[in-house]
N, C-alpha and C. Protein backbone atom coordinates (compact mmCIF):
# COMPACT_ATOMS: atom_id res chain seq x y z
N MET A 1 17.37 18.85 -27.25
CA MET A 1 17.10 17.56 -26.68
C MET A 1 16.45 17.74 -25.31
N HIS A 2 15.36 17.00 -25.07
CA HIS A 2 14.65 17.08 -23.80
C HIS A 2 15.08 15.94 -22.89
N SER A 3 15.21 16.25 -21.61
CA SER A 3 15.60 15.22 -20.66
C SER A 3 14.52 15.03 -19.59
N GLY A 4 13.28 15.18 -19.99
CA GLY A 4 12.18 14.99 -19.05
C GLY A 4 11.65 16.33 -18.59
N GLY A 5 10.89 16.30 -17.56
CA GLY A 5 10.32 17.53 -17.04
C GLY A 5 9.13 17.18 -16.18
N LYS A 6 8.41 18.21 -15.76
CA LYS A 6 7.24 17.96 -14.93
C LYS A 6 6.06 17.53 -15.78
N ARG A 7 5.57 16.34 -15.49
CA ARG A 7 4.41 15.83 -16.19
C ARG A 7 3.22 16.04 -15.28
N ARG A 8 2.12 16.47 -15.84
CA ARG A 8 0.92 16.70 -15.05
C ARG A 8 0.43 15.38 -14.49
N GLY A 9 0.17 15.34 -13.20
CA GLY A 9 -0.25 14.12 -12.54
C GLY A 9 -1.65 13.70 -12.92
N VAL A 10 -1.91 12.41 -12.86
CA VAL A 10 -3.22 11.86 -13.19
C VAL A 10 -4.14 11.96 -11.98
N ILE A 11 -3.56 12.00 -10.79
CA ILE A 11 -4.34 11.96 -9.57
C ILE A 11 -4.71 13.39 -9.15
N SER A 12 -6.00 13.65 -9.18
CA SER A 12 -6.50 14.99 -8.85
C SER A 12 -6.52 15.19 -7.33
N THR A 13 -6.82 16.41 -6.92
CA THR A 13 -6.91 16.74 -5.49
C THR A 13 -8.01 15.94 -4.82
N GLU A 14 -9.12 15.75 -5.52
CA GLU A 14 -10.24 14.97 -4.98
C GLU A 14 -9.82 13.52 -4.72
N ILE A 15 -9.15 12.91 -5.69
CA ILE A 15 -8.69 11.53 -5.54
C ILE A 15 -7.63 11.46 -4.44
N HIS A 16 -6.77 12.45 -4.36
CA HIS A 16 -5.74 12.49 -3.33
C HIS A 16 -6.39 12.47 -1.94
N ARG A 17 -7.42 13.28 -1.74
CA ARG A 17 -8.10 13.34 -0.44
C ARG A 17 -8.77 12.01 -0.09
N SER A 18 -9.41 11.38 -1.08
CA SER A 18 -10.08 10.11 -0.79
C SER A 18 -9.05 9.00 -0.54
N LEU A 19 -7.90 9.05 -1.23
CA LEU A 19 -6.82 8.08 -0.97
C LEU A 19 -6.28 8.28 0.45
N GLU A 20 -6.15 9.54 0.85
CA GLU A 20 -5.65 9.84 2.19
C GLU A 20 -6.58 9.26 3.26
N LYS A 21 -7.88 9.43 3.07
CA LYS A 21 -8.86 8.86 4.01
C LYS A 21 -8.74 7.35 4.06
N LYS A 22 -8.65 6.72 2.89
CA LYS A 22 -8.60 5.26 2.81
C LYS A 22 -7.30 4.71 3.42
N VAL A 23 -6.19 5.38 3.16
CA VAL A 23 -4.90 4.93 3.70
C VAL A 23 -4.90 5.00 5.22
N ASN A 24 -5.53 6.03 5.78
CA ASN A 24 -5.54 6.21 7.23
C ASN A 24 -6.71 5.52 7.92
N ASP A 25 -7.55 4.82 7.17
CA ASP A 25 -8.71 4.12 7.74
C ASP A 25 -8.25 2.78 8.31
N SER A 26 -8.30 2.64 9.63
CA SER A 26 -7.83 1.40 10.24
C SER A 26 -8.86 0.28 10.16
N ARG A 27 -10.11 0.61 9.91
CA ARG A 27 -11.15 -0.43 9.84
C ARG A 27 -11.23 -1.10 8.47
N ASP A 28 -10.92 -0.37 7.41
CA ASP A 28 -11.03 -0.93 6.06
C ASP A 28 -9.83 -0.47 5.23
N PRO A 29 -8.62 -0.94 5.55
CA PRO A 29 -7.43 -0.47 4.83
C PRO A 29 -7.25 -1.17 3.49
N PHE A 30 -6.33 -0.64 2.69
CA PHE A 30 -5.94 -1.33 1.47
C PHE A 30 -5.21 -2.60 1.87
N LEU A 31 -5.43 -3.67 1.13
CA LEU A 31 -4.76 -4.93 1.40
C LEU A 31 -3.45 -5.04 0.63
N GLY A 32 -3.20 -4.08 -0.23
CA GLY A 32 -1.98 -4.04 -1.02
C GLY A 32 -2.15 -2.99 -2.11
N TYR A 33 -1.12 -2.82 -2.91
CA TYR A 33 -1.19 -1.82 -3.97
C TYR A 33 -2.17 -2.21 -5.07
N TRP A 34 -2.33 -3.51 -5.34
CA TRP A 34 -3.32 -3.91 -6.35
C TRP A 34 -4.72 -3.56 -5.86
N ASP A 35 -4.96 -3.72 -4.58
CA ASP A 35 -6.24 -3.35 -3.99
C ASP A 35 -6.49 -1.85 -4.18
N ALA A 36 -5.44 -1.05 -4.03
CA ALA A 36 -5.56 0.40 -4.22
C ALA A 36 -5.89 0.73 -5.68
N VAL A 37 -5.25 0.03 -6.61
CA VAL A 37 -5.52 0.26 -8.04
C VAL A 37 -6.99 -0.05 -8.36
N LEU A 38 -7.46 -1.19 -7.85
CA LEU A 38 -8.86 -1.58 -8.10
C LEU A 38 -9.84 -0.62 -7.42
N TRP A 39 -9.48 -0.12 -6.25
CA TRP A 39 -10.33 0.81 -5.51
C TRP A 39 -10.47 2.13 -6.27
N VAL A 40 -9.36 2.65 -6.80
CA VAL A 40 -9.40 3.90 -7.57
C VAL A 40 -10.26 3.70 -8.83
N LYS A 41 -10.13 2.53 -9.47
CA LYS A 41 -10.93 2.23 -10.66
C LYS A 41 -12.41 2.21 -10.31
N LYS A 42 -12.76 1.57 -9.19
CA LYS A 42 -14.15 1.42 -8.80
C LYS A 42 -14.75 2.75 -8.30
N GLU A 43 -14.03 3.45 -7.44
CA GLU A 43 -14.55 4.66 -6.81
C GLU A 43 -14.50 5.89 -7.71
N HIS A 44 -13.47 5.99 -8.54
CA HIS A 44 -13.27 7.21 -9.33
C HIS A 44 -13.26 6.96 -10.84
N ASP A 45 -13.49 5.71 -11.24
CA ASP A 45 -13.52 5.34 -12.65
C ASP A 45 -12.27 5.85 -13.39
N LEU A 46 -11.12 5.58 -12.79
CA LEU A 46 -9.86 6.04 -13.34
C LEU A 46 -8.88 4.88 -13.37
N ASP A 47 -8.32 4.61 -14.53
CA ASP A 47 -7.31 3.56 -14.65
C ASP A 47 -5.95 4.17 -14.35
N VAL A 48 -5.35 3.72 -13.26
CA VAL A 48 -4.01 4.18 -12.88
C VAL A 48 -3.10 2.97 -12.91
N LYS A 49 -1.93 3.13 -13.49
CA LYS A 49 -0.98 2.02 -13.54
C LYS A 49 -0.50 1.68 -12.13
N TYR A 50 -0.29 0.38 -11.92
CA TYR A 50 0.13 -0.13 -10.61
C TYR A 50 1.34 0.62 -10.07
N ASN A 51 2.39 0.70 -10.87
CA ASN A 51 3.63 1.31 -10.39
C ASN A 51 3.47 2.79 -10.13
N ALA A 52 2.68 3.47 -10.95
CA ALA A 52 2.44 4.90 -10.75
C ALA A 52 1.73 5.14 -9.42
N LEU A 53 0.71 4.34 -9.13
CA LEU A 53 -0.03 4.50 -7.88
C LEU A 53 0.83 4.09 -6.69
N ARG A 54 1.62 3.04 -6.86
CA ARG A 54 2.50 2.58 -5.78
C ARG A 54 3.49 3.69 -5.39
N ILE A 55 4.11 4.28 -6.38
CA ILE A 55 5.08 5.35 -6.13
C ILE A 55 4.37 6.57 -5.53
N TYR A 56 3.17 6.89 -6.02
CA TYR A 56 2.40 8.01 -5.49
C TYR A 56 2.08 7.81 -4.01
N LEU A 57 1.62 6.60 -3.66
CA LEU A 57 1.26 6.31 -2.27
C LEU A 57 2.49 6.34 -1.36
N ILE A 58 3.60 5.83 -1.84
CA ILE A 58 4.83 5.85 -1.05
C ILE A 58 5.31 7.30 -0.86
N ARG A 59 5.30 8.07 -1.92
CA ARG A 59 5.81 9.44 -1.88
C ARG A 59 4.94 10.35 -1.01
N HIS A 60 3.61 10.24 -1.14
CA HIS A 60 2.72 11.16 -0.43
C HIS A 60 2.28 10.68 0.94
N PHE A 61 2.16 9.38 1.13
CA PHE A 61 1.60 8.86 2.38
C PHE A 61 2.57 7.93 3.12
N LYS A 62 3.79 7.78 2.61
CA LYS A 62 4.81 6.93 3.24
C LYS A 62 4.32 5.50 3.49
N THR A 63 3.57 4.96 2.54
CA THR A 63 3.07 3.59 2.69
C THR A 63 4.15 2.58 2.41
N LYS A 64 3.97 1.38 2.94
CA LYS A 64 4.86 0.27 2.63
C LYS A 64 4.08 -1.02 2.86
N LEU A 65 4.44 -2.02 2.11
CA LEU A 65 3.79 -3.32 2.27
C LEU A 65 4.39 -4.01 3.48
N LYS A 66 3.52 -4.51 4.33
CA LYS A 66 3.99 -5.28 5.47
C LYS A 66 3.23 -6.59 5.46
N ALA A 67 3.94 -7.65 5.20
CA ALA A 67 3.30 -8.97 5.17
C ALA A 67 4.09 -9.90 6.08
N PRO A 68 3.40 -10.57 6.98
CA PRO A 68 4.12 -11.49 7.84
C PRO A 68 4.65 -12.68 7.06
N ARG A 69 5.80 -13.14 7.46
CA ARG A 69 6.37 -14.32 6.79
C ARG A 69 5.75 -15.57 7.36
N LYS A 70 5.68 -16.60 6.55
CA LYS A 70 5.12 -17.87 7.00
C LYS A 70 6.05 -18.50 8.03
N SER A 71 5.43 -19.16 8.98
CA SER A 71 6.18 -19.86 10.01
C SER A 71 6.38 -21.31 9.56
N HIS A 72 7.51 -21.87 9.93
CA HIS A 72 7.77 -23.25 9.54
C HIS A 72 6.85 -24.19 10.30
N TYR A 73 6.31 -25.17 9.63
CA TYR A 73 5.32 -26.06 10.24
C TYR A 73 5.90 -26.95 11.32
N LYS A 74 7.22 -27.10 11.35
CA LYS A 74 7.86 -27.95 12.36
C LYS A 74 8.33 -27.15 13.58
N LYS A 75 8.11 -25.84 13.57
CA LYS A 75 8.59 -25.01 14.66
C LYS A 75 7.90 -25.39 15.97
N ASP A 76 8.68 -25.52 17.03
CA ASP A 76 8.16 -25.93 18.32
C ASP A 76 7.78 -24.67 19.12
N GLY A 77 6.50 -24.46 19.32
CA GLY A 77 6.01 -23.29 20.03
C GLY A 77 6.46 -23.26 21.48
N GLN A 78 6.51 -24.39 22.15
CA GLN A 78 6.91 -24.44 23.56
C GLN A 78 8.39 -24.08 23.72
N ALA A 79 9.21 -24.48 22.78
CA ALA A 79 10.64 -24.17 22.83
C ALA A 79 10.85 -22.66 22.72
N ILE A 80 10.07 -22.01 21.90
CA ILE A 80 10.19 -20.56 21.74
C ILE A 80 9.77 -19.86 23.03
N GLU A 81 8.67 -20.29 23.61
CA GLU A 81 8.20 -19.69 24.86
C GLU A 81 9.24 -19.89 25.97
N ALA A 82 9.85 -21.07 26.06
CA ALA A 82 10.86 -21.35 27.08
C ALA A 82 12.08 -20.43 26.89
N HIS A 83 12.44 -20.19 25.63
CA HIS A 83 13.58 -19.32 25.31
C HIS A 83 13.29 -17.88 25.71
N LEU A 84 12.05 -17.43 25.53
CA LEU A 84 11.68 -16.05 25.85
C LEU A 84 11.58 -15.83 27.36
N ASP A 85 11.29 -16.89 28.12
CA ASP A 85 11.17 -16.77 29.57
C ASP A 85 12.52 -16.63 30.27
N VAL A 86 13.59 -16.96 29.57
CA VAL A 86 14.93 -16.94 30.18
C VAL A 86 15.37 -15.55 30.50
């Protein structure tokens, strides 16, 4: 009975290097993991599953999604500034 093992990765050294450049590019970064999937498809003509690429990027480049939360439309900006000045 087999319980898994090392599976050969889909992402080659060439793709790894180009992903590294793109991840560290502050002028034109990935907008999310779906953007990364589409970029790999366009640049390297390779279909990579979303979750596989997400896990690869997290494991190798320590990426994480950072999205600001929406602010409530009734929030009083002046009240916040007054609170911070205290």
